[in-house]
C-alpha atoms as a PDB file:
ATOM      1  CA  MET A   1    -173.331   8.771  54.754  1.00  0.00           C
ATOM      2  CA  ALA A   2    -175.791   7.084  57.121  1.00  0.00           C
ATOM      3  CA  LYS A   3    -175.764   4.029  54.851  1.00  0.00           C
ATOM      4  CA  SER A   4    -171.960   3.781  55.037  1.00  0.00           C
ATOM      5  CA  ARG A   5    -172.080   3.970  58.814  1.00  0.00           C
ATOM      6  CA  LEU A   6    -174.684   1.181  58.875  1.00  0.00           C
ATOM      7  CA  TRP A   7    -172.469  -1.107  56.778  1.00  0.00           C
ATOM      8  CA  PHE A   8    -169.536  -0.271  59.005  1.00  0.00           C
ATOM      9  CA  VAL A   9    -171.494  -1.228  62.121  1.00  0.00           C
ATOM     10  CA  ILE A  10    -172.739  -4.454  60.508  1.00  0.00           C
ATOM     11  CA  THR A  11    -169.190  -5.383  59.404  1.00  0.00           C
ATOM     12  CA  LEU A  12    -167.847  -4.665  62.883  1.00  0.00           C
ATOM     13  CA  LEU A  13    -170.551  -6.812  64.471  1.00  0.00           C
ATOM     14  CA  PHE A  14    -169.739  -9.682  62.122  1.00  0.00           C
ATOM     15  CA  ALA A  15    -166.053  -9.338  62.923  1.00  0.00           C
ATOM     16  CA  ILE A  16    -166.748  -9.411  66.666  1.00  0.00           C
ATOM     17  CA  LEU A  17    -169.052 -12.422  66.285  1.00  0.00           C
ATOM     18  CA  THR A  18    -166.482 -14.277  64.186  1.00  0.00           C
ATOM     19  CA  GLY A  19    -163.786 -13.529  66.737  1.00  0.00           C
ATOM     20  CA  LEU A  20    -165.989 -14.856  69.547  1.00  0.00           C
ATOM     21  CA  LEU A  21    -166.686 -18.057  67.612  1.00  0.00           C
ATOM     22  CA  VAL A  22    -162.990 -18.599  66.860  1.00  0.00           C
ATOM     23  CA  PHE A  23    -162.103 -17.931  70.500  1.00  0.00           C
ATOM     24  CA  ARG A  24    -164.694 -20.444  71.718  1.00  0.00           C
ATOM     25  CA  TYR A  25    -163.433 -23.050  69.238  1.00  0.00           C
ATOM     26  CA  LEU A  26    -159.795 -22.625  70.242  1.00  0.00           C
ATOM     27  CA  THR A  27    -160.655 -22.667  73.945  1.00  0.00           C
ATOM     28  CA  GLY A  28    -162.682 -25.851  73.463  1.00  0.00           C
ATOM     29  CA  ALA A  29    -159.862 -27.490  71.478  1.00  0.00           C
ATOM     30  CA  GLN A  30    -157.312 -26.638  74.172  1.00  0.00           C
ATOM     31  CA  THR A  31    -159.618 -27.995  76.888  1.00  0.00           C
ATOM     32  CA  ALA A  32    -160.152 -31.192  74.903  1.00  0.00           C
ATOM     33  CA  ALA A  33    -156.388 -31.562  74.431  1.00  0.00           C
ATOM     34  CA  VAL A  34    -155.779 -31.094  78.150  1.00  0.00           C
ATOM     35  CA  ASP A  35    -158.520 -33.576  79.061  1.00  0.00           C
ATOM     36  CA  GLU A  36    -157.348 -36.203  76.486  1.00  0.00           C
ATOM     37  CA  VAL A  37    -156.263 -39.394  78.236  1.00  0.00           C
ATOM     38  CA  MET A  38    -152.912 -40.588  76.905  1.00  0.00           C
ATOM     39  CA  ALA A  39    -151.325 -44.039  76.883  1.00  0.00           C
ATOM     40  CA  THR A  40    -147.660 -45.063  76.805  1.00  0.00           C
ATOM     41  CA  GLN A  41    -146.687 -47.517  74.087  1.00  0.00           C
ATOM     42  CA  VAL A  42    -143.388 -49.161  73.152  1.00  0.00           C
ATOM     43  CA  VAL A  43    -142.577 -48.795  69.445  1.00  0.00           C
ATOM     44  CA  ALA A  44    -139.728 -49.937  67.234  1.00  0.00           C
ATOM     45  CA  ARG A  45    -137.157 -47.202  66.629  1.00  0.00           C
ATOM     46  CA  VAL A  46    -135.550 -49.153  63.777  1.00  0.00           C
ATOM     47  CA  LYS A  47    -136.563 -52.139  61.682  1.00  0.00           C
ATOM     48  CA  ILE A  48    -136.412 -55.300  63.802  1.00  0.00           C
ATOM     49  CA  PRO A  49    -136.332 -58.464  61.660  1.00  0.00           C
ATOM     50  CA  THR A  50    -138.010 -61.686  62.753  1.00  0.00           C
ATOM     51  CA  GLY A  51    -135.888 -63.681  65.190  1.00  0.00           C
ATOM     52  CA  THR A  52    -133.889 -60.690  66.438  1.00  0.00           C
ATOM     53  CA  ARG A  53    -133.103 -60.440  70.143  1.00  0.00           C
ATOM     54  CA  ILE A  54    -134.446 -56.982  70.930  1.00  0.00           C
ATOM     55  CA  SER A  55    -132.132 -54.490  72.645  1.00  0.00           C
ATOM     56  CA  ALA A  56    -132.997 -51.188  74.300  1.00  0.00           C
ATOM     57  CA  ASP A  57    -131.488 -49.091  71.491  1.00  0.00           C
ATOM     58  CA  MET A  58    -133.998 -50.594  69.037  1.00  0.00           C
ATOM     59  CA  LEU A  59    -136.955 -49.214  70.993  1.00  0.00           C
ATOM     60  CA  GLU A  60    -138.554 -46.016  72.205  1.00  0.00           C
ATOM     61  CA  THR A  61    -141.737 -45.066  74.024  1.00  0.00           C
ATOM     62  CA  VAL A  62    -144.423 -42.695  72.726  1.00  0.00           C
ATOM     63  CA  GLU A  63    -147.581 -41.140  74.164  1.00  0.00           C
ATOM     64  CA  VAL A  64    -150.761 -41.589  72.121  1.00  0.00           C
ATOM     65  CA  PRO A  65    -154.427 -40.904  72.869  1.00  0.00           C
ATOM     66  CA  VAL A  66    -156.020 -43.945  74.451  1.00  0.00           C
ATOM     67  CA  LYS A  67    -158.619 -44.180  71.693  1.00  0.00           C
ATOM     68  CA  TYR A  68    -155.826 -44.626  69.133  1.00  0.00           C
ATOM     69  CA  ALA A  69    -153.651 -46.954  71.237  1.00  0.00           C
ATOM     70  CA  HIS A  70    -152.855 -50.447  69.940  1.00  0.00           C
ATOM     71  CA  PRO A  71    -154.796 -52.824  72.227  1.00  0.00           C
ATOM     72  CA  SER A  72    -151.959 -55.361  72.644  1.00  0.00           C
ATOM     73  CA  ALA A  73    -148.943 -53.039  72.474  1.00  0.00           C
ATOM     74  CA  ALA A  74    -146.294 -53.319  75.182  1.00  0.00           C
ATOM     75  CA  THR A  75    -146.246 -50.419  77.624  1.00  0.00           C
ATOM     76  CA  ASP A  76    -143.047 -51.266  79.534  1.00  0.00           C
ATOM     77  CA  LEU A  77    -139.679 -50.951  77.783  1.00  0.00           C
ATOM     78  CA  GLU A  78    -137.976 -53.392  80.158  1.00  0.00           C
ATOM     79  CA  PHE A  79    -140.567 -56.054  79.361  1.00  0.00           C
ATOM     80  CA  VAL A  80    -139.562 -56.035  75.689  1.00  0.00           C
ATOM     81  CA  VAL A  81    -135.762 -55.862  76.050  1.00  0.00           C
ATOM     82  CA  ASN A  82    -133.976 -59.217  75.506  1.00  0.00           C
ATOM     83  CA  ARG A  83    -137.062 -60.866  74.030  1.00  0.00           C
ATOM     84  CA  PHE A  84    -137.244 -62.115  70.448  1.00  0.00           C
ATOM     85  CA  ALA A  85    -139.307 -60.606  67.639  1.00  0.00           C
ATOM     86  CA  LEU A  86    -141.641 -63.227  66.160  1.00  0.00           C
ATOM     87  CA  ILE A  87    -142.543 -60.924  63.253  1.00  0.00           C
ATOM     88  CA  ASP A  88    -140.828 -58.080  61.390  1.00  0.00           C
ATOM     89  CA  LEU A  89    -141.323 -54.816  63.297  1.00  0.00           C
ATOM     90  CA  LEU A  90    -141.090 -51.577  61.311  1.00  0.00           C
ATOM     91  CA  PRO A  91    -139.891 -48.187  62.610  1.00  0.00           C
ATOM     92  CA  GLY A  92    -142.653 -46.444  64.561  1.00  0.00           C
ATOM     93  CA  GLU A  93    -144.729 -49.623  64.793  1.00  0.00           C
ATOM     94  CA  PRO A  94    -146.086 -50.616  68.231  1.00  0.00           C
ATOM     95  CA  VAL A  95    -144.556 -53.791  69.660  1.00  0.00           C
ATOM     96  CA  PRO A  96    -147.396 -56.263  70.386  1.00  0.00           C
ATOM     97  CA  THR A  97    -146.846 -58.397  73.480  1.00  0.00           C
ATOM     98  CA  ASN A  98    -148.173 -61.443  71.613  1.00  0.00           C
ATOM     99  CA  ARG A  99    -145.546 -61.040  68.876  1.00  0.00           C
ATOM    100  CA  ILE A 100    -142.480 -61.233  71.118  1.00  0.00           C
ATOM    101  CA  ALA A 101    -141.197 -64.159  73.166  1.00  0.00           C
ATOM    102  CA  SER A 102    -138.514 -65.155  75.656  1.00  0.00           C
ATOM    103  CA  GLU A 103    -136.434 -68.318  75.786  1.00  0.00           C
ATOM    104  CA  LYS A 104    -138.949 -69.761  78.251  1.00  0.00           C
ATOM    105  CA  THR A 105    -142.102 -69.024  76.289  1.00  0.00           C
ATOM    106  CA  VAL A 106    -141.051 -69.874  72.726  1.00  0.00           C
ATOM    107  CA  ASN A 107    -140.764 -73.531  71.781  1.00  0.00           C
ATOM    108  CA  GLU A 108    -138.163 -73.318  69.024  1.00  0.00           C
ATOM    109  CA  LEU A 109    -134.531 -74.318  69.490  1.00  0.00           C
ATOM    110  CA  PRO A 110    -132.777 -71.248  67.954  1.00  0.00           C
ATOM    111  CA  TYR A 111    -134.439 -68.956  70.510  1.00  0.00           C
ATOM    112  CA  LYS A 112    -133.174 -71.045  73.426  1.00  0.00           C
ATOM    113  CA  ILE A 113    -129.470 -70.953  72.494  1.00  0.00           C
ATOM    114  CA  PRO A 114    -127.564 -68.395  74.624  1.00  0.00           C
ATOM    115  CA  PRO A 115    -125.642 -65.724  72.653  1.00  0.00           C
ATOM    116  CA  GLY A 116    -122.169 -66.927  71.690  1.00  0.00           C
ATOM    117  CA  PHE A 117    -123.112 -70.604  71.968  1.00  0.00           C
ATOM    118  CA  ARG A 118    -124.096 -73.361  69.544  1.00  0.00           C
ATOM    119  CA  ALA A 119    -126.580 -76.221  69.898  1.00  0.00           C
ATOM    120  CA  MET A 120    -124.931 -79.621  69.530  1.00  0.00           C
ATOM    121  CA  THR A 121    -126.558 -83.021  69.879  1.00  0.00           C
ATOM    122  CA  VAL A 122    -124.621 -85.920  71.404  1.00  0.00           C
ATOM    123  CA  PRO A 123    -125.691 -89.586  71.433  1.00  0.00           C
ATOM    124  CA  VAL A 124    -126.470 -91.122  74.820  1.00  0.00           C
ATOM    125  CA  ASN A 125    -127.961 -94.241  76.305  1.00  0.00           C
ATOM    126  CA  ALA A 126    -129.410 -95.115  79.701  1.00  0.00           C
ATOM    127  CA  LEU A 127    -125.938 -95.067  81.281  1.00  0.00           C
ATOM    128  CA  SER A 128    -124.174 -92.233  79.478  1.00  0.00           C
ATOM    129  CA  GLY A 129    -127.306 -90.057  79.638  1.00  0.00           C
ATOM    130  CA  VAL A 130    -127.689 -90.245  83.446  1.00  0.00           C
ATOM    131  CA  ALA A 131    -130.460 -92.854  83.336  1.00  0.00           C
ATOM    132  CA  GLY A 132    -132.894 -90.523  81.552  1.00  0.00           C
ATOM    133  CA  LEU A 133    -133.005 -88.181  84.534  1.00  0.00           C
ATOM    134  CA  LEU A 134    -131.692 -85.169  82.601  1.00  0.00           C
ATOM    135  CA  LYS A 135    -134.156 -82.422  81.713  1.00  0.00           C
ATOM    136  CA  PRO A 136    -133.898 -79.265  79.579  1.00  0.00           C
ATOM    137  CA  GLY A 137    -132.416 -76.584  81.824  1.00  0.00           C
ATOM    138  CA  HIS A 138    -130.105 -78.963  83.698  1.00  0.00           C
ATOM    139  CA  TYR A 139    -126.311 -78.638  83.522  1.00  0.00           C
ATOM    140  CA  VAL A 140    -123.780 -81.388  82.808  1.00  0.00           C
ATOM    141  CA  ASP A 141    -120.089 -82.063  82.353  1.00  0.00           C
ATOM    142  CA  VAL A 142    -119.065 -83.827  79.134  1.00  0.00           C
ATOM    143  CA  LEU A 143    -116.464 -86.584  79.368  1.00  0.00           C
ATOM    144  CA  VAL A 144    -114.893 -88.860  76.780  1.00  0.00           C
ATOM    145  CA  THR A 145    -113.250 -92.228  77.318  1.00  0.00           C
ATOM    146  CA  TYR A 146    -110.930 -93.716  74.716  1.00  0.00           C
ATOM    147  CA  SER A 147    -108.051 -96.150  74.411  1.00  0.00           C
ATOM    148  CA  GLY A 148    -104.925 -96.691  72.296  1.00  0.00           C
ATOM    149  CA  PRO A 149    -103.314 -99.895  71.057  1.00  0.00           C
ATOM    150  CA  ASP A 150    -103.542-101.432  74.523  1.00  0.00           C
ATOM    151  CA  PRO A 151    -107.201-101.205  75.621  1.00  0.00           C
ATOM    152  CA  VAL A 152    -106.172-101.043  79.296  1.00  0.00           C
ATOM    153  CA  LEU A 153    -102.772 -99.378  79.590  1.00  0.00           C
ATOM    154  CA  ASP A 154    -103.585 -96.777  76.929  1.00  0.00           C
ATOM    155  CA  ALA A 155    -107.137 -96.057  78.124  1.00  0.00           C
ATOM    156  CA  LYS A 156    -107.920 -92.484  79.205  1.00  0.00           C
ATOM    157  CA  ALA A 157    -110.886 -90.475  80.462  1.00  0.00           C
ATOM    158  CA  VAL A 158    -110.955 -86.735  79.785  1.00  0.00           C
ATOM    159  CA  THR A 159    -113.368 -84.009  80.951  1.00  0.00           C
ATOM    160  CA  LEU A 160    -113.932 -82.018  77.769  1.00  0.00           C
ATOM    161  CA  VAL A 161    -116.489 -79.448  78.942  1.00  0.00           C
ATOM    162  CA  GLN A 162    -117.868 -78.344  82.286  1.00  0.00           C
ATOM    163  CA  ASN A 163    -121.215 -76.759  83.076  1.00  0.00           C
ATOM    164  CA  ALA A 164    -122.917 -77.288  79.709  1.00  0.00           C
ATOM    165  CA  LEU A 165    -126.597 -76.328  79.528  1.00  0.00           C
ATOM    166  CA  VAL A 166    -129.024 -79.046  78.394  1.00  0.00           C
ATOM    167  CA  LEU A 167    -131.257 -77.488  75.738  1.00  0.00           C
ATOM    168  CA  ALA A 168    -133.256 -80.563  74.775  1.00  0.00           C
ATOM    169  CA  VAL A 169    -133.658 -84.236  75.585  1.00  0.00           C
ATOM    170  CA  GLY A 170    -134.571 -86.019  72.380  1.00  0.00           C
ATOM    171  CA  SER A 171    -136.950 -83.651  70.619  1.00  0.00           C
ATOM    172  CA  GLU A 172    -138.319 -82.191  73.857  1.00  0.00           C
ATOM    173  CA  LEU A 173    -137.352 -78.576  74.518  1.00  0.00           C
ATOM    174  CA  GLN A 174    -139.423 -78.440  77.687  1.00  0.00           C
ATOM    175  CA  LYS A 175    -139.261 -80.358  80.937  1.00  0.00           C
ATOM    176  CA  ILE A 176    -141.811 -83.126  81.211  1.00  0.00           C
ATOM    177  CA  GLU A 177    -142.853 -85.163  84.220  1.00  0.00           C
ATOM    178  CA  GLY A 178    -141.040 -88.403  84.911  1.00  0.00           C
ATOM    179  CA  VAL A 179    -138.010 -89.904  83.208  1.00  0.00           C
ATOM    180  CA  GLN A 180    -137.056 -88.562  79.770  1.00  0.00           C
ATOM    181  CA  VAL A 181    -135.234 -91.486  78.206  1.00  0.00           C
ATOM    182  CA  SER A 182    -133.765 -90.598  74.820  1.00  0.00           C
ATOM    183  CA  GLU A 183    -130.995 -91.585  72.452  1.00  0.00           C
ATOM    184  CA  ASN A 184    -129.632 -88.039  72.274  1.00  0.00           C
ATOM    185  CA  VAL A 185    -129.237 -84.873  74.282  1.00  0.00           C
ATOM    186  CA  THR A 186    -128.725 -81.385  72.828  1.00  0.00           C
ATOM    187  CA  LEU A 187    -126.291 -79.113  74.658  1.00  0.00           C
ATOM    188  CA  ALA A 188    -125.410 -75.409  74.462  1.00  0.00           C
ATOM    189  CA  LEU A 189    -121.651 -75.262  73.793  1.00  0.00           C
ATOM    190  CA  ARG A 190    -119.207 -72.541  72.915  1.00  0.00           C
ATOM    191  CA  PRO A 191    -117.842 -73.096  69.384  1.00  0.00           C
ATOM    192  CA  SER A 192    -114.443 -74.239  70.705  1.00  0.00           C
ATOM    193  CA  ASP A 193    -116.108 -76.672  73.122  1.00  0.00           C
ATOM    194  CA  ALA A 194    -118.308 -77.999  70.315  1.00  0.00           C
ATOM    195  CA  GLN A 195    -115.136 -78.848  68.402  1.00  0.00           C
ATOM    196  CA  LEU A 196    -113.740 -80.688  71.435  1.00  0.00           C
ATOM    197  CA  VAL A 197    -116.915 -82.726  71.871  1.00  0.00           C
ATOM    198  CA  ALA A 198    -117.125 -83.538  68.144  1.00  0.00           C
ATOM    199  CA  PHE A 199    -113.514 -84.712  68.156  1.00  0.00           C
ATOM    200  CA  GLY A 200    -113.975 -86.659  71.389  1.00  0.00           C
ATOM    201  CA  GLU A 201    -117.017 -88.409  69.937  1.00  0.00           C
ATOM    202  CA  SER A 202    -114.976 -89.452  66.900  1.00  0.00           C
ATOM    203  CA  ILE A 203    -112.254 -91.168  68.976  1.00  0.00           C
ATOM    204  CA  GLY A 204    -114.155 -92.514  71.976  1.00  0.00           C
ATOM    205  CA  ARG A 205    -117.384 -92.666  73.923  1.00  0.00           C
ATOM    206  CA  ILE A 206    -119.147 -89.599  75.277  1.00  0.00           C
ATOM    207  CA  LYS A 207    -120.539 -89.668  78.801  1.00  0.00           C
ATOM    208  CA  LEU A 208    -122.507 -86.968  80.619  1.00  0.00           C
ATOM    209  CA  ALA A 209    -122.247 -86.195  84.320  1.00  0.00           C
ATOM    210  CA  ALA A 210    -125.103 -84.236  85.931  1.00  0.00           C
ATOM    211  CA  ARG A 211    -124.114 -81.196  87.997  1.00  0.00           C
ATOM    212  CA  PRO A 212    -125.768 -79.883  91.170  1.00  0.00           C
ATOM    213  CA  VAL A 213    -127.733 -76.671  90.930  1.00  0.00           C
ATOM    214  CA  GLY A 214    -125.667 -73.493  91.205  1.00  0.00           C
ATOM    215  CA  GLU A 215    -122.227 -75.087  91.457  1.00  0.00           C
ATOM    216  CA  ASP A 216    -119.317 -73.282  89.820  1.00  0.00           C
ATOM    217  CA  ASP A 217    -116.693 -75.078  87.766  1.00  0.00           C
ATOM    218  CA  ALA A 218    -114.425 -77.239  89.923  1.00  0.00           C
ATOM    219  CA  PRO A 219    -110.805 -77.972  88.960  1.00  0.00           C
ATOM    220  CA  VAL A 220    -110.358 -81.446  87.442  1.00  0.00           C
ATOM    221  CA  PRO A 221    -107.280 -83.324  86.175  1.00  0.00           C
ATOM    222  CA  ARG A 222    -106.619 -82.944  82.469  1.00  0.00           C
ATOM    223  CA  TYR A 223    -107.162 -86.673  82.145  1.00  0.00           C
ATOM    224  CA  MET A 224    -107.302 -89.926  84.058  1.00  0.00           C
ATOM    225  CA  ASP A 225    -105.468 -93.096  83.016  1.00  0.00           C
ATOM    226  CA  VAL A 226    -104.397 -96.378  84.579  1.00  0.00           C
ATOM    227  CA  ALA A 227    -101.144 -94.986  85.986  1.00  0.00           C
ATOM    228  CA  ARG A 228    -102.856 -92.033  87.626  1.00  0.00           C
ATOM    229  CA  MET A 229    -105.696 -94.161  88.932  1.00  0.00           C
ATOM    230  CA  LEU A 230    -103.284 -96.670  90.465  1.00  0.00           C
ATOM    231  CA  GLY A 231    -101.211 -93.814  91.852  1.00  0.00           C
ATOM    232  CA  LEU A 232    -104.209 -92.685  93.888  1.00  0.00           C
ATOM    233  CA  TYR A 233    -104.242 -96.010  95.699  1.00  0.00           C
ATOM    234  CA  PRO A 234    -100.642 -96.931  96.679  1.00  0.00           C
END
């Protein structure tokens, strides 16, 4: 009987000791969890293929312990939105800041074309290309001059497009110091305007007119010919 009581006491002591150890472990784990420093990271919510313009619905933010955080991951959702993915990003993968780019930081033409536009190159010379003073980022109007059977009486000048963005001068996608003389200029045009310019180039000579900064489209005549020109000066 005394032996049974002894085993009961020993078992009870072991149970109490085990409970104390478990309690200390859980308390320590909770304290460690509370004291854990967390970091915010932007991750892909869906697969984002290379070259995609990233939108807000493709992303989400997560909190991870600092010791597990990706060292170059973006931490601000707004910083990532509207930039381009330079690599494939998989769901749940952190978005590295050195693997995304904006139109200003990437030096490849497709990333510089505004949505809904097309890049189209037109031939120019020192006169039609504004004496080499155009730079990427400038805006121009596109005109065409052409004539019919009579090179004077049938001659016309038409403004085909207004406020076209210059994407490149020659092969340069960035502004450089001094005059950028080139035999071609690449413009950002809406598909319908690209058709107009392509057709105008096939029937006449293209000329570019530089626009002042920040000016909205101004109304222009549909065309100018000899009769209209002479009518301006009675």
